[in-house]
Amino acid sequence: MAREFQRGHKAKISDLTAGTDLYVGVQIAGPGLAIDISCFGLDANEQLSDDRYFVFFNQPKSPEESIQQLGAQSGDTESFRVTLDRIPANIHKLSFAASIDGAGQMSQVGPGYIRIVAGGEEVVRYSFSGSEFSTERALMIGDFYLKDVWRFAAVGQGFDGGLAALLQNFGGEVAEEEQPAPQAQAPAGAPGFAPPPQGAAPAPSFGAPAQTQPPAPAPSFGAPPQAPAPAPAQAPAQVPAPAPYQQPVHAAPTMAAPMGAPLAPPAPAPYGQVPPPAPAPAPYGQQPQPSYGQVPGQQQPPYGQQPGFGQQPQGYGQPAQAVPAAGAGLAAALQPYKEAPTGARWTPQNQQLMRVDLSMGGQAVLARQGSMVLYQGKVDFSYKGAGFAGRVVGNATGQEMQLMRCTGRGQVFLAETGAHLHAIELQGDGICVSAENVLAFDESLQHEIRRIEGHGIPGGALFTMQFQGTGTVIVKTHGVPVVLPVTPTTFADSNAIVAWSSAAQVIISSQVRLRRNAYPGHSGETVNLQFRGAPGNFIVVQPYEV
């Protein structure tokens, strides 16, 4: 039975199916709309650095055929074959998108979906409808992304502009209009993709040159049980700009435009759109991009992956650059500070500001009272009480949090006293964080007060908050923290510690000795926390002490 995803839901592919040769079907249509459906193969920076991995009607497969566009079949407007174990190492994300060619907007489309089929059986489906959008002309539907292992995310994020705007967002560009070159017609009656019939010999490998290589063994890949009757295929017209969808010919594809990197710095993008990366200096005083934990020069992590603690943000500590040249205009001056669009539920806008999209995931967010600095859309804020017993325990342990509950369909921006904010995604694991270091978290996470073994910690820090489950917790720090592995000789000051893995054992270590007390004075470091645990446990320390 297929799992039904909501917007923002994510899962490992291995939890959905053991297969790696997958069928991806997309259904989207609207009266009078011409819709193009394509797949962008992106690198670790979420850029289209190799235009051969832009798979669309005019280029229906990648070089090694790990991504193939199959056309309409089995009730799907468009379908793809994705062979995960053949995707090259430089591709970290496959983004499936739909765009309107010509007039129209996404609010006009009817109910649609993206689904994954393995071995002829549907394993997951994400459904959407036009009522979720307004004037957008493109839609990022779903992603395959690499985070240690391949995972799938239901995105459902509208995008202003059509296919050309999507190309620019991913670092590509559209060439100038040229006269299309005539192409030879493909033989009529070319068969569409379908699994071999029962008892028949294996079908040739899809997408191979016609009868020039031996048949491949039948893969685990399977399309849905029903298959449409073969339809004649037409050769694609070689056009530089996106055109209405045509049935693809899976041989000798032509490209719409060069989209390789590097690119010349583009003109300022429309509001809300991230401009392509350019070597131009940032305006004076610009905060570094808040992809927390990125080492300078290191590639961006794939979609959904939280970078490791303790790594310097890109550009952190570098001197401020020169201001834009005179005459650049107001739009150019404000461009670096515009909102960062993304298909993720939690998005850092800079090091001190976090945005959560409540319409993704369909669940509420618990945040510190007064941490909202801005919201857009229909959002309701209500008091979240801990109950009488919870208040008593919170007051007694020092782990009480005054929370508000954020619900609705909109975006909420959160911050507190300029603290550095870090989104930590939990997927069934756990982390311990002191309540004073928590800004917000998904309501789906289980949280409880956990006692630290031992006695004598000053300031009542005998307890901490433990978060477990699936969701995201936003952690505050003073400055950029560092992550250290837990060893038998790992000690930390109770004021500097921010968080640690829930599997680690924590005890109190005191360096106070009777002989030392016989003499006046001490070092000021008499009580520490000692951490023990198996390899893989960690602690997070901030450069700050009370």
Protein backbone atom coordinates (compact mmCIF):
# COMPACT_ATOMS: atom_id res chain seq x y z
CA MET A 1 0.00 0.00 0.00
CA ALA A 2 1.39 3.40 -1.00
CA ARG A 3 2.29 5.89 1.72
CA GLU A 4 0.50 9.23 1.43
CA PHE A 5 2.87 12.18 1.90
CA GLN A 6 1.96 15.72 2.85
CA ARG A 7 3.97 18.76 1.81
CA GLY A 8 7.28 18.79 3.68
CA HIS A 9 7.31 15.05 4.45
CA LYS A 10 10.62 13.26 3.86
CA ALA A 11 11.75 9.64 4.00
CA LYS A 12 14.68 7.45 3.07
CA ILE A 13 14.18 5.61 -0.20
CA SER A 14 15.33 2.43 1.54
CA ASP A 15 12.40 2.80 3.96
CA LEU A 16 9.99 2.95 1.00
CA THR A 17 11.46 0.19 -1.16
CA ALA A 18 14.54 -1.98 -1.45
CA GLY A 19 14.78 -1.18 -5.17
CA THR A 20 16.94 1.51 -6.73
CA ASP A 21 15.46 1.40 -10.26
CA LEU A 22 12.34 3.51 -9.86
CA TYR A 23 9.43 4.83 -11.89
CA VAL A 24 8.41 8.43 -11.09
CA GLY A 25 5.00 9.52 -12.36
CA VAL A 26 3.66 13.10 -12.34
CA GLN A 27 0.03 14.07 -12.98
CA ILE A 28 -0.74 17.76 -13.43
CA ALA A 29 -3.14 19.42 -15.86
CA GLY A 30 -5.51 22.35 -16.17
CA PRO A 31 -8.01 23.59 -18.74
CA GLY A 32 -6.24 25.41 -21.55
CA LEU A 33 -2.80 25.10 -19.91
CA ALA A 34 0.36 23.83 -21.62
CA ILE A 35 2.54 22.39 -18.87
CA ASP A 36 6.16 21.25 -19.19
CA ILE A 37 7.48 18.72 -16.67
CA SER A 38 11.23 18.37 -16.22
CA CYS A 39 13.92 17.06 -13.89
CA PHE A 40 16.93 19.11 -12.76
CA GLY A 41 20.06 17.16 -11.75
CA LEU A 42 21.79 19.49 -9.27
CA ASP A 43 25.19 19.45 -7.60
CA ALA A 44 25.99 19.88 -3.89
CA ASN A 45 25.40 23.65 -4.22
CA GLU A 46 21.93 22.96 -5.69
CA GLN A 47 23.10 24.34 -9.04
CA LEU A 48 22.79 22.96 -12.55
CA SER A 49 26.55 22.83 -13.05
CA ASP A 50 26.24 20.21 -15.82
CA ASP A 51 23.52 20.99 -18.35
CA ARG A 52 23.45 17.35 -19.51
CA TYR A 53 21.47 16.59 -16.35
CA PHE A 54 18.61 18.91 -17.23
CA VAL A 55 16.16 16.24 -18.44
CA PHE A 56 13.15 17.66 -20.31
CA PHE A 57 11.23 17.21 -23.56
CA ASN A 58 14.19 18.33 -25.67
CA GLN A 59 16.80 16.22 -23.82
CA PRO A 60 15.04 13.11 -22.54
CA LYS A 61 17.91 11.37 -20.77
CA SER A 62 21.19 11.96 -18.93
CA PRO A 63 24.49 10.73 -20.45
CA GLU A 64 24.61 7.42 -18.56
CA GLU A 65 20.78 7.09 -18.71
CA SER A 66 20.37 7.16 -14.94
CA ILE A 67 17.55 9.69 -15.51
CA GLN A 68 15.19 9.10 -18.43
CA GLN A 69 11.98 10.87 -19.45
CA LEU A 70 9.44 8.28 -20.60
CA GLY A 71 6.44 10.39 -21.63
CA ALA A 72 2.78 10.11 -20.71
CA GLN A 73 1.62 6.65 -19.66
CA SER A 74 -0.46 4.77 -17.10
CA GLY A 75 -2.55 7.83 -16.28
CA ASP A 76 0.50 10.05 -15.64
CA THR A 77 0.99 13.31 -17.53
CA GLU A 78 4.73 12.63 -17.53
CA SER A 79 6.91 9.82 -16.23
CA PHE A 80 10.58 9.23 -15.57
CA ARG A 81 12.87 6.33 -14.89
CA VAL A 82 15.43 7.00 -12.13
CA THR A 83 18.22 4.51 -11.45
CA LEU A 84 19.73 5.74 -8.21
CA ASP A 85 22.79 3.48 -8.16
CA ARG A 86 23.85 4.82 -11.58
CA ILE A 87 23.64 8.52 -10.77
CA PRO A 88 27.17 10.03 -10.79
CA ALA A 89 28.75 11.28 -7.59
CA ASN A 90 28.56 14.96 -8.60
CA ILE A 91 24.73 14.87 -8.68
CA HIS A 92 23.28 15.32 -5.19
CA LYS A 93 19.68 16.22 -5.93
CA LEU A 94 16.98 15.52 -8.52
CA SER A 95 14.30 18.21 -8.52
CA PHE A 96 11.07 17.44 -10.40
CA ALA A 97 9.29 20.59 -11.52
CA ALA A 98 6.35 21.68 -13.65
CA SER A 99 6.07 25.00 -15.48
CA ILE A 100 3.36 26.67 -17.54
CA ASP A 101 4.28 27.48 -21.13
CA GLY A 102 2.26 30.51 -22.18
CA ALA A 103 -0.60 32.14 -20.30
CA GLY A 104 -1.98 30.77 -17.06
CA GLN A 105 -1.06 30.23 -13.42
CA MET A 106 -0.78 27.31 -11.04
CA SER A 107 -4.05 28.15 -9.28
CA GLN A 108 -5.82 26.87 -12.42
CA VAL A 109 -4.49 23.31 -12.25
CA GLY A 110 -6.67 20.51 -10.95
CA PRO A 111 -5.76 17.81 -8.47
CA GLY A 112 -2.32 16.36 -9.22
CA TYR A 113 0.36 14.17 -7.70
CA ILE A 114 3.86 12.80 -7.89
CA ARG A 115 4.32 9.10 -7.15
CA ILE A 116 7.12 6.55 -6.94
CA VAL A 117 6.59 3.03 -8.30
CA ALA A 118 9.01 0.16 -7.62
CA GLY A 119 8.62 -3.28 -9.16
CA GLY A 120 5.18 -2.34 -10.50
CA GLU A 121 3.90 -1.33 -7.05
CA GLU A 122 3.26 2.25 -5.98
CA VAL A 123 5.17 2.94 -2.75
CA VAL A 124 4.59 6.66 -2.11
CA ARG A 125 2.35 9.44 -3.42
CA TYR A 126 2.22 13.17 -2.72
CA SER A 127 -0.99 14.89 -3.87
CA PHE A 128 -1.64 18.59 -4.40
CA SER A 129 -4.18 20.89 -6.06
CA GLY A 130 -4.32 24.34 -7.60
CA SER A 131 -6.12 25.74 -4.56
CA GLU A 132 -2.77 25.68 -2.71
CA PHE A 133 -1.25 28.23 -5.13
CA SER A 134 -2.07 31.64 -6.56
CA THR A 135 -0.23 33.46 -9.36
CA GLU A 136 2.81 31.16 -9.54
CA ARG A 137 3.68 29.87 -13.00
CA ALA A 138 5.99 27.04 -11.93
CA LEU A 139 5.94 24.40 -9.23
CA MET A 140 8.75 22.46 -7.56
CA ILE A 141 6.91 19.20 -6.89
CA GLY A 142 9.28 16.73 -5.24
CA ASP A 143 12.97 16.00 -4.75
CA PHE A 144 15.28 13.05 -4.53
CA TYR A 145 18.24 14.23 -2.45
CA LEU A 146 21.42 12.63 -1.14
CA LYS A 147 22.01 12.83 2.60
CA ASP A 148 24.27 9.85 3.33
CA VAL A 149 21.63 7.84 1.47
CA TRP A 150 19.05 8.82 -1.15
CA ARG A 151 15.84 10.27 0.26
CA PHE A 152 12.59 11.65 -1.11
CA ALA A 153 10.90 14.92 -0.08
CA ALA A 154 7.44 16.20 -1.00
CA VAL A 155 8.08 19.89 -1.78
CA GLY A 156 4.97 21.48 -3.35
CA GLN A 157 6.55 24.94 -3.54
CA GLY A 158 5.16 27.47 -6.01
CA PHE A 159 7.61 29.57 -8.03
CA ASP A 160 7.08 32.88 -9.82
CA GLY A 161 8.00 32.74 -13.48
CA GLY A 162 8.08 29.80 -15.88
CA LEU A 163 10.72 27.34 -16.99
CA ALA A 164 13.22 30.08 -17.82
CA ALA A 165 12.96 31.44 -14.27
CA LEU A 166 13.50 27.94 -12.87
CA LEU A 167 16.61 27.58 -15.02
CA GLN A 168 17.98 30.85 -13.69
CA ASN A 169 17.17 29.82 -10.12
CA PHE A 170 19.26 26.67 -10.58
CA GLY A 171 22.13 28.52 -12.26
CA GLY A 172 21.18 27.95 -15.92
CA GLU A 173 20.23 30.37 -18.66
CA VAL A 174 18.20 30.36 -21.87
CA ALA A 175 19.93 31.14 -25.16
CA GLU A 176 18.76 33.68 -27.67
CA GLU A 177 16.04 32.64 -30.10
CA GLU A 178 17.36 30.75 -33.13
CA GLN A 179 15.74 29.18 -36.17
CA PRO A 180 15.00 25.51 -35.43
CA ALA A 181 16.91 23.00 -37.52
CA PRO A 182 14.77 20.40 -39.32
CA GLN A 183 14.84 16.95 -37.76
CA ALA A 184 14.04 13.62 -39.27
CA GLN A 185 10.82 12.00 -38.19
CA ALA A 186 11.10 8.95 -35.95
CA PRO A 187 9.58 5.71 -37.24
CA ALA A 188 5.85 5.60 -36.60
CA GLY A 189 4.58 3.30 -33.92
CA ALA A 190 7.66 3.43 -31.64
CA PRO A 191 6.68 1.42 -28.57
CA GLY A 192 6.41 3.12 -25.19
CA PHE A 193 8.07 1.78 -22.08
CA ALA A 194 6.41 -1.23 -20.44
CA PRO A 195 7.55 -4.24 -18.41
CA PRO A 196 8.06 -7.46 -20.40
CA PRO A 197 4.89 -9.61 -20.70
CA GLN A 198 4.57 -12.78 -18.67
CA GLY A 199 6.71 -15.54 -20.15
CA ALA A 200 8.19 -13.36 -22.88
CA ALA A 201 11.85 -12.71 -23.48
CA PRO A 202 13.33 -9.69 -21.67
CA ALA A 203 12.74 -6.37 -23.39
CA PRO A 204 15.73 -4.33 -24.55
CA SER A 205 17.15 -1.78 -22.12
CA PHE A 206 15.05 1.35 -22.47
CA GLY A 207 16.80 4.30 -24.02
CA ALA A 208 19.55 2.27 -25.78
CA PRO A 209 20.30 2.85 -29.49
CA ALA A 210 17.91 0.89 -31.65
CA GLN A 211 19.04 -2.78 -31.75
CA THR A 212 22.74 -1.98 -31.38
CA GLN A 213 23.45 -3.53 -27.98
CA PRO A 214 22.35 -6.80 -26.38
CA PRO A 215 19.31 -6.86 -24.11
CA ALA A 216 19.96 -6.00 -20.45
CA PRO A 217 18.72 -8.35 -17.73
CA ALA A 218 15.26 -7.48 -16.41
CA PRO A 219 15.81 -4.86 -13.65
CA SER A 220 13.84 -4.40 -10.45
CA PHE A 221 12.32 -1.34 -12.08
CA GLY A 222 8.64 -1.74 -12.84
CA ALA A 223 6.07 0.60 -14.26
CA PRO A 224 2.46 0.48 -13.05
CA PRO A 225 0.65 -2.69 -14.17
CA GLN A 226 -1.40 -1.07 -16.94
CA ALA A 227 0.41 0.30 -19.96
CA PRO A 228 -1.03 2.46 -22.75
CA ALA A 229 -1.16 1.50 -26.39
CA PRO A 230 1.95 2.56 -28.36
CA ALA A 231 1.68 6.03 -29.77
CA PRO A 232 3.65 7.57 -32.62
CA ALA A 233 6.59 9.70 -31.51
CA GLN A 234 7.65 12.97 -33.07
CA ALA A 235 11.16 14.28 -33.24
CA PRO A 236 11.72 17.26 -30.95
CA ALA A 237 12.13 20.64 -32.49
CA GLN A 238 15.48 22.18 -31.66
CA VAL A 239 14.45 25.41 -30.01
CA PRO A 240 16.51 27.53 -27.65
CA ALA A 241 13.67 28.52 -25.33
CA PRO A 242 11.11 26.22 -23.66
CA ALA A 243 8.27 25.21 -25.97
CA PRO A 244 5.02 23.27 -25.49
CA TYR A 245 5.56 19.67 -24.62
CA GLN A 246 6.12 17.19 -27.46
CA GLN A 247 6.48 13.42 -27.29
CA PRO A 248 10.26 12.91 -26.88
CA VAL A 249 12.48 10.87 -29.17
CA HIS A 250 15.04 9.06 -27.05
CA ALA A 251 17.99 9.41 -29.38
CA ALA A 252 20.35 12.21 -30.38
CA PRO A 253 18.71 14.87 -28.16
CA THR A 254 19.36 18.53 -28.68
CA MET A 255 19.79 21.10 -25.95
CA ALA A 256 17.66 24.21 -25.59
CA ALA A 257 20.50 26.38 -24.38
CA PRO A 258 23.91 26.23 -22.72
CA MET A 259 23.43 26.18 -18.98
CA GLY A 260 26.89 25.37 -17.72
CA ALA A 261 28.77 27.28 -15.05
CA PRO A 262 30.39 29.69 -14.55
CA LEU A 263 27.98 32.40 -15.63
CA ALA A 264 28.27 36.13 -15.91
CA PRO A 265 26.63 38.01 -13.04
CA PRO A 266 22.94 38.39 -13.99
CA ALA A 267 20.69 41.37 -13.60
CA PRO A 268 18.86 41.63 -10.26
CA ALA A 269 16.35 38.81 -10.02
CA PRO A 270 12.64 39.34 -9.24
CA TYR A 271 11.72 39.70 -5.62
CA GLY A 272 11.99 36.45 -3.69
CA GLN A 273 14.24 34.75 -6.25
CA VAL A 274 17.80 33.85 -5.38
CA PRO A 275 20.21 35.22 -8.01
CA PRO A 276 22.82 32.90 -9.52
CA PRO A 277 26.11 32.90 -7.63
CA ALA A 278 28.53 35.54 -8.85
CA PRO A 279 32.05 36.53 -7.85
CA ALA A 280 31.01 40.14 -7.22
CA PRO A 281 31.78 41.32 -3.64
CA ALA A 282 28.93 41.45 -1.16
CA PRO A 283 27.71 44.84 0.09
CA TYR A 284 29.25 46.24 3.20
CA GLY A 285 27.88 44.72 6.40
CA GLN A 286 26.23 41.75 4.72
CA GLN A 287 25.84 38.75 7.00
CA PRO A 288 27.29 35.46 5.74
CA GLN A 289 24.87 32.93 4.27
CA PRO A 290 23.47 31.11 7.30
CA SER A 291 23.99 27.55 6.11
CA TYR A 292 25.20 26.75 9.56
CA GLY A 293 28.28 24.65 9.86
CA GLN A 294 29.79 25.17 6.41
CA VAL A 295 33.55 25.48 6.13
CA PRO A 296 34.72 28.26 3.76
CA GLY A 297 35.08 26.83 0.28
CA GLN A 298 33.06 23.75 1.15
CA GLN A 299 30.10 22.81 -1.02
CA GLN A 300 26.56 23.39 0.19
CA PRO A 301 24.92 20.27 1.70
CA PRO A 302 22.13 18.60 -0.27
CA TYR A 303 18.47 19.42 0.25
CA GLY A 304 17.29 18.61 3.73
CA GLN A 305 20.75 17.90 5.17
CA GLN A 306 21.78 19.77 8.26
CA PRO A 307 25.49 20.63 8.19
CA GLY A 308 27.63 19.47 11.07
CA PHE A 309 28.02 21.58 14.15
CA GLY A 310 31.28 23.29 14.80
CA GLN A 311 32.25 24.22 11.25
CA GLN A 312 32.74 27.85 10.37
CA PRO A 313 29.98 29.40 8.23
CA GLN A 314 31.13 30.38 4.80
CA GLY A 315 32.83 33.73 4.87
CA TYR A 316 32.66 33.92 8.66
CA GLY A 317 35.21 36.32 10.10
CA GLN A 318 36.16 37.80 6.73
CA PRO A 319 36.36 41.59 6.47
CA ALA A 320 33.41 43.43 5.04
CA GLN A 321 33.53 44.05 1.30
CA ALA A 322 33.14 47.29 -0.54
CA VAL A 323 29.72 48.81 -1.10
CA PRO A 324 28.14 48.59 -4.58
CA ALA A 325 29.37 51.07 -7.16
CA ALA A 326 27.59 54.38 -7.38
CA GLY A 327 24.55 54.27 -9.61
CA ALA A 328 23.85 50.60 -8.96
CA GLY A 329 20.36 51.53 -7.84
CA LEU A 330 18.16 50.69 -4.89
CA ALA A 331 17.26 47.21 -6.18
CA ALA A 332 20.93 46.22 -6.43
CA ALA A 333 21.68 47.58 -2.96
CA LEU A 334 18.85 45.57 -1.34
CA GLN A 335 19.23 42.41 -3.42
CA PRO A 336 21.66 40.64 -1.01
CA TYR A 337 19.19 41.00 1.86
CA LYS A 338 16.09 39.64 0.17
CA GLU A 339 14.24 36.64 1.53
CA ALA A 340 15.80 33.28 0.69
CA PRO A 341 13.24 31.14 -1.18
CA THR A 342 13.40 27.38 -0.71
CA GLY A 343 11.23 24.31 -0.64
CA ALA A 344 12.26 23.46 2.93
CA ARG A 345 10.05 23.84 6.02
CA TRP A 346 12.79 25.61 8.03
CA THR A 347 14.98 28.14 6.20
CA PRO A 348 17.71 30.34 7.74
CA GLN A 349 17.56 33.88 6.36
CA ASN A 350 20.85 34.82 8.01
CA GLN A 351 22.73 33.71 11.12
CA GLN A 352 20.21 35.30 13.49
CA LEU A 353 16.88 34.91 11.67
CA MET A 354 14.94 31.70 10.93
CA ARG A 355 11.82 31.24 8.81
CA VAL A 356 9.34 28.38 9.19
CA ASP A 357 6.69 27.60 6.56
CA LEU A 358 3.67 26.31 8.50
CA SER A 359 1.93 25.16 5.32
CA MET A 360 4.60 22.50 4.84
CA GLY A 361 4.25 19.42 7.00
CA GLY A 362 0.79 20.26 8.30
CA GLN A 363 1.87 20.52 11.94
CA ALA A 364 2.19 23.29 14.50
CA VAL A 365 5.39 24.88 15.77
CA LEU A 366 6.15 25.65 19.41
CA ALA A 367 8.31 28.76 19.86
CA ARG A 368 9.42 31.00 22.69
CA GLN A 369 6.92 33.68 23.53
CA GLY A 370 7.86 36.95 21.86
CA SER A 371 10.32 35.40 19.38
CA MET A 372 8.17 36.26 16.33
CA VAL A 373 9.57 39.23 14.38
CA LEU A 374 7.41 38.92 11.23
CA TYR A 375 4.79 36.64 9.72
CA GLN A 376 3.05 36.36 6.36
CA GLY A 377 -0.21 34.60 5.56
CA LYS A 378 -2.90 33.31 7.90
CA VAL A 379 -1.13 32.44 11.14
CA ASP A 380 -2.66 31.98 14.58
CA PHE A 381 -0.64 32.38 17.79
CA SER A 382 -1.94 30.81 20.98
CA TYR A 383 -0.61 30.21 24.46
CA LYS A 384 0.95 26.80 25.05
CA GLY A 385 0.72 25.89 28.71
CA ALA A 386 2.61 23.09 30.41
CA GLY A 387 -0.13 22.43 32.95
CA PHE A 388 0.17 22.71 36.71
CA ALA A 389 2.45 19.69 37.06
CA GLY A 390 4.61 20.86 34.17
CA ARG A 391 5.03 24.32 35.68
CA VAL A 392 6.00 22.84 39.03
CA VAL A 393 8.59 20.56 37.44
CA GLY A 394 9.87 23.35 35.18
CA ASN A 395 10.30 25.78 38.06
CA ALA A 396 12.00 23.16 40.21
CA THR A 397 14.47 22.11 37.51
CA GLY A 398 15.12 25.42 35.78
CA GLN A 399 13.91 23.95 32.47
CA GLU A 400 10.57 25.77 32.16
CA MET A 401 9.89 27.27 28.71
CA GLN A 402 7.26 29.94 28.06
CA LEU A 403 5.93 28.80 24.67
CA MET A 404 3.46 29.93 22.03
CA ARG A 405 1.82 27.63 19.50
CA CYS A 406 1.98 28.75 15.85
CA THR A 407 -0.59 27.27 13.44
CA GLY A 408 -2.09 28.14 10.06
CA ARG A 409 -0.85 28.53 6.50
CA GLY A 410 1.90 31.10 6.34
CA GLN A 411 5.51 31.88 7.14
CA VAL A 412 6.79 32.96 10.55
CA PHE A 413 10.19 34.59 11.09
CA LEU A 414 11.80 33.92 14.48
CA ALA A 415 14.76 35.44 16.30
CA GLU A 416 15.88 36.32 19.83
CA THR A 417 18.43 38.92 20.97
CA GLY A 418 20.66 38.37 17.96
CA ALA A 419 21.59 34.82 18.99
CA HIS A 420 22.99 32.50 16.34
CA LEU A 421 20.31 30.02 15.23
CA HIS A 422 20.87 26.46 14.03
CA ALA A 423 18.24 24.04 12.70
CA ILE A 424 18.84 20.46 13.86
CA GLU A 425 16.78 17.86 12.05
CA LEU A 426 15.95 14.70 13.99
CA GLN A 427 14.90 11.53 12.21
CA GLY A 428 14.07 9.16 15.02
CA ASP A 429 17.19 10.04 17.03
CA GLY A 430 17.52 12.29 20.09
CA ILE A 431 19.44 15.26 21.41
CA CYS A 432 19.72 16.94 24.80
CA VAL A 433 19.56 20.75 24.90
CA SER A 434 19.27 23.09 27.84
CA ALA A 435 15.92 24.88 27.79
CA GLU A 436 17.59 28.29 27.65
CA ASN A 437 19.21 27.29 24.35
CA VAL A 438 15.95 26.28 22.61
CA LEU A 439 14.16 28.81 20.40
CA ALA A 440 11.52 26.67 18.66
CA PHE A 441 10.70 23.12 17.61
CA ASP A 442 8.14 21.08 15.69
CA GLU A 443 5.22 19.97 17.84
CA SER A 444 5.72 16.43 16.55
CA LEU A 445 8.89 16.08 18.65
CA GLN A 446 8.64 14.47 22.05
CA HIS A 447 10.33 16.52 24.75
CA GLU A 448 10.87 15.86 28.43
CA ILE A 449 13.06 17.00 31.28
CA ARG A 450 16.02 14.71 31.89
CA ARG A 451 18.03 14.62 35.11
CA ILE A 452 21.83 14.66 35.04
CA GLU A 453 23.46 12.24 37.44
CA GLY A 454 25.37 13.78 40.34
CA HIS A 455 25.10 16.75 42.65
CA GLY A 456 26.60 20.15 43.13
CA ILE A 457 26.26 21.94 39.78
CA PRO A 458 25.85 25.65 40.46
CA GLY A 459 22.88 27.52 39.01
CA GLY A 460 20.47 24.59 39.10
CA ALA A 461 21.82 23.00 35.91
CA LEU A 462 21.07 19.47 37.13
CA PHE A 463 18.51 18.98 34.38
CA THR A 464 18.20 19.37 30.62
CA MET A 465 15.56 19.01 27.88
CA GLN A 466 15.63 15.86 25.75
CA PHE A 467 14.06 15.92 22.26
CA GLN A 468 13.27 12.75 20.32
CA GLY A 469 11.29 11.77 17.23
CA THR A 470 11.02 13.21 13.74
CA GLY A 471 11.15 16.96 13.31
CA THR A 472 13.38 20.00 13.73
CA VAL A 473 14.55 21.87 16.82
CA ILE A 474 16.07 25.36 16.55
CA VAL A 475 19.02 25.84 18.91
CA LYS A 476 20.43 29.19 20.03
CA THR A 477 24.13 29.82 20.68
CA HIS A 478 26.36 32.73 21.60
CA GLY A 479 28.66 32.81 18.59
CA VAL A 480 29.63 29.89 16.37
CA PRO A 481 29.74 26.63 18.35
CA VAL A 482 32.09 23.68 17.98
CA VAL A 483 31.27 19.96 17.99
CA LEU A 484 33.59 17.49 19.68
CA PRO A 485 33.41 13.70 19.81
CA VAL A 486 32.84 12.15 23.21
CA THR A 487 35.90 10.42 24.64
CA PRO A 488 36.58 9.03 28.15
CA THR A 489 38.39 12.29 28.94
CA THR A 490 35.83 14.80 27.63
CA PHE A 491 34.92 17.51 30.18
CA ALA A 492 32.94 20.71 29.60
CA ASP A 493 31.92 23.71 31.65
CA SER A 494 28.22 23.63 32.48
CA ASN A 495 27.75 27.21 31.20
CA ALA A 496 29.47 26.61 27.87
CA ILE A 497 27.77 23.33 26.98
CA VAL A 498 24.86 23.73 24.54
CA ALA A 499 23.78 20.22 23.58
CA TRP A 500 24.88 16.61 23.38
CA SER A 501 23.70 13.33 21.91
CA SER A 502 21.02 11.72 24.06
CA ALA A 503 22.91 8.40 24.12
CA ALA A 504 25.90 9.95 25.88
CA GLN A 505 26.29 9.43 29.62
CA VAL A 506 26.73 12.64 31.61
CA ILE A 507 28.06 12.83 35.16
CA ILE A 508 29.37 15.62 37.36
CA SER A 509 33.11 15.85 37.87
CA SER A 510 34.47 17.96 40.71
CA GLN A 511 38.11 18.97 41.00
CA VAL A 512 37.67 20.16 44.59
CA ARG A 513 39.99 18.29 46.94
CA LEU A 514 40.46 18.58 50.71
CA ARG A 515 44.10 19.57 50.31
CA ARG A 516 43.18 22.30 47.86
CA ASN A 517 40.56 23.63 50.27
CA ALA A 518 43.20 23.93 52.96
CA TYR A 519 44.77 26.79 51.00
CA PRO A 520 43.13 30.06 49.98
CA GLY A 521 41.95 30.59 46.40
CA HIS A 522 41.05 28.22 43.57
CA SER A 523 41.10 28.08 39.76
CA GLY A 524 37.42 28.90 39.27
CA GLU A 525 36.95 25.63 37.33
CA THR A 526 35.96 23.32 40.16
CA VAL A 527 32.80 21.70 38.72
CA ASN A 528 32.55 20.26 35.20
CA LEU A 529 30.39 17.86 33.23
CA GLN A 530 32.08 14.65 32.15
CA PHE A 531 30.77 12.86 29.05
CA ARG A 532 31.09 9.18 28.28
CA GLY A 533 29.67 7.01 25.56
CA ALA A 534 30.24 4.82 22.55
CA PRO A 535 31.88 6.21 19.40
CA GLY A 536 29.52 8.48 17.50
CA ASN A 537 28.36 10.51 20.50
CA PHE A 538 29.09 14.23 20.49
CA ILE A 539 28.87 17.44 22.49
CA VAL A 540 28.23 21.01 21.28
CA VAL A 541 30.07 23.83 23.03
CA GLN A 542 29.65 27.58 22.50
CA PRO A 543 32.41 30.19 22.97
CA TYR A 544 30.64 31.74 25.92
CA GLU A 545 30.48 31.53 29.70
CA VAL A 546 28.22 33.27 32.17
